[in-house]
Amino acid sequence: QVQLVESGGGLVQPGGSLRLSCAASGRDFSMYDMAWYRQTPGKQRESVAVITSGGTTTYADSVKGRFTISKDNLKNTLYLQMNSLKPDDTAVYLCYARWFFKNYWGQGTQVTVSS
């Protein structure tokens, strides 16, 4: 069983930065494929950034060059560094892990970008 707990969300002005964290419990963290998704009311959940167990990363076009996903296998923690934030980035951000053919989700953390 894998449990995921996000933190680091909040209110930030346009152009600002935030770093989200996702602490994972469970075995073999280094073997997880992980991702950050975001969800806004009335919209489909969107994949923002993905990192495989091998360290390969991919990003949604809307965040390329602004967001960076990373994984610390010693701390069992996934990160999302978000720079140059825009109002359109406002959403609940959810941590996702896939391990042994099962999907796991965190509860989410709210990010609001507004002046």
Protein backbone atom coordinates (compact mmCIF):
# COMPACT_ATOMS: atom_id res chain seq x y z
CA GLN A 1 0.00 0.00 0.00
CA VAL A 2 1.20 3.49 -0.89
CA GLN A 3 0.06 6.69 0.80
CA LEU A 4 0.76 10.08 -0.71
CA VAL A 5 0.56 13.41 1.12
CA GLU A 6 1.00 16.70 -0.73
CA SER A 7 2.08 20.00 0.77
CA GLY A 8 3.35 23.39 -0.35
CA GLY A 9 0.30 24.88 -2.01
CA GLY A 10 -0.96 28.37 -1.31
CA LEU A 11 -1.70 31.80 -2.71
CA VAL A 12 0.95 33.42 -4.91
CA GLN A 13 1.03 36.44 -7.19
CA PRO A 14 1.43 36.07 -10.94
CA GLY A 15 5.11 35.60 -11.78
CA GLY A 16 5.82 34.04 -8.41
CA SER A 17 7.08 30.59 -7.46
CA LEU A 18 5.99 27.67 -5.33
CA ARG A 19 7.45 24.25 -4.61
CA LEU A 20 5.06 21.38 -4.03
CA SER A 21 6.09 18.26 -2.15
CA CYS A 22 4.57 14.79 -2.06
CA ALA A 23 5.69 12.53 0.77
CA ALA A 24 5.21 8.84 0.07
CA SER A 25 4.96 5.93 2.46
CA GLY A 26 5.46 2.41 1.28
CA ARG A 27 8.22 0.22 0.00
CA ASP A 28 10.45 0.61 -3.03
CA PHE A 29 9.85 4.33 -3.64
CA SER A 30 12.63 4.37 -6.22
CA MET A 31 10.58 1.99 -8.36
CA TYR A 32 7.51 4.23 -8.55
CA ASP A 33 6.57 6.05 -11.73
CA MET A 34 5.14 9.33 -10.46
CA ALA A 35 3.41 12.42 -11.71
CA TRP A 36 1.70 15.65 -10.80
CA TYR A 37 -1.81 16.28 -12.06
CA ARG A 38 -4.05 19.28 -11.62
CA GLN A 39 -7.78 19.70 -11.50
CA THR A 40 -10.07 22.71 -11.78
CA PRO A 41 -13.87 22.67 -11.42
CA GLY A 42 -15.59 21.65 -14.62
CA LYS A 43 -12.39 20.54 -16.34
CA GLN A 44 -10.82 17.15 -16.86
CA ARG A 45 -7.88 16.23 -14.66
CA GLU A 46 -4.71 17.23 -16.49
CA SER A 47 -1.27 15.65 -16.37
CA VAL A 48 1.26 18.38 -15.61
CA ALA A 49 4.56 16.52 -15.26
CA VAL A 50 5.69 12.90 -15.17
CA ILE A 51 8.86 11.26 -13.88
CA THR A 52 9.57 7.59 -14.43
CA SER A 53 11.44 5.31 -12.06
CA GLY A 54 14.38 5.71 -14.42
CA GLY A 55 14.29 9.50 -14.12
CA THR A 56 12.81 10.37 -17.50
CA THR A 57 10.64 13.48 -17.32
CA THR A 58 7.87 14.82 -19.53
CA TYR A 59 5.78 17.98 -19.23
CA ALA A 60 2.54 19.39 -20.49
CA ASP A 61 3.15 22.03 -23.15
CA SER A 62 1.50 24.63 -20.92
CA VAL A 63 4.17 24.30 -18.22
CA LYS A 64 7.34 23.49 -20.20
CA GLY A 65 10.21 25.74 -19.21
CA ARG A 66 8.42 26.88 -16.05
CA PHE A 67 7.86 23.72 -13.98
CA THR A 68 10.38 21.09 -12.92
CA ILE A 69 9.52 17.68 -11.49
CA SER A 70 12.06 15.82 -9.38
CA LYS A 71 12.22 12.84 -7.06
CA ASP A 72 14.37 12.27 -3.98
CA ASN A 73 14.60 8.52 -3.44
CA LEU A 74 16.35 8.93 -0.08
CA LYS A 75 13.58 11.12 1.32
CA ASN A 76 10.72 9.27 -0.44
CA THR A 77 9.53 12.61 -1.75
CA LEU A 78 8.35 13.95 -5.09
CA TYR A 79 8.65 17.66 -5.88
CA LEU A 80 7.24 20.13 -8.35
CA GLN A 81 9.08 23.43 -8.65
CA MET A 82 6.75 25.95 -10.25
CA ASN A 83 8.14 29.26 -11.53
CA SER A 84 6.62 32.15 -13.48
CA LEU A 85 3.19 31.16 -12.27
CA LYS A 86 0.13 32.36 -14.16
CA PRO A 87 -3.52 32.67 -13.11
CA ASP A 88 -4.27 29.72 -15.43
CA ASP A 89 -2.10 27.55 -13.16
CA THR A 90 -4.71 27.89 -10.41
CA ALA A 91 -5.90 24.38 -9.53
CA VAL A 92 -5.79 21.57 -7.03
CA TYR A 93 -2.52 19.74 -7.62
CA LEU A 94 -2.50 16.00 -7.02
CA CYS A 95 0.36 13.60 -6.61
CA TYR A 96 0.15 10.26 -8.45
CA ALA A 97 2.17 7.07 -8.16
CA ARG A 98 2.06 3.83 -10.09
CA TRP A 99 3.65 0.74 -8.57
CA PHE A 100 3.08 -2.90 -9.34
CA PHE A 101 0.23 -2.14 -11.76
CA LYS A 102 -1.73 -0.13 -9.16
CA ASN A 103 -2.52 3.57 -9.16
CA TYR A 104 -2.29 5.75 -6.06
CA TRP A 105 -3.44 9.33 -5.52
CA GLY A 106 -2.89 11.97 -2.88
CA GLN A 107 -5.64 14.25 -1.58
CA GLY A 108 -4.32 17.32 -3.38
CA THR A 109 -3.06 20.77 -2.47
CA GLN A 110 -4.63 24.03 -3.65
CA VAL A 111 -2.55 26.46 -5.69
CA THR A 112 -4.07 29.88 -6.33
CA VAL A 113 -2.32 32.41 -8.55
CA SER A 114 -3.87 35.83 -8.16
CA SER A 115 -2.96 39.44 -7.55
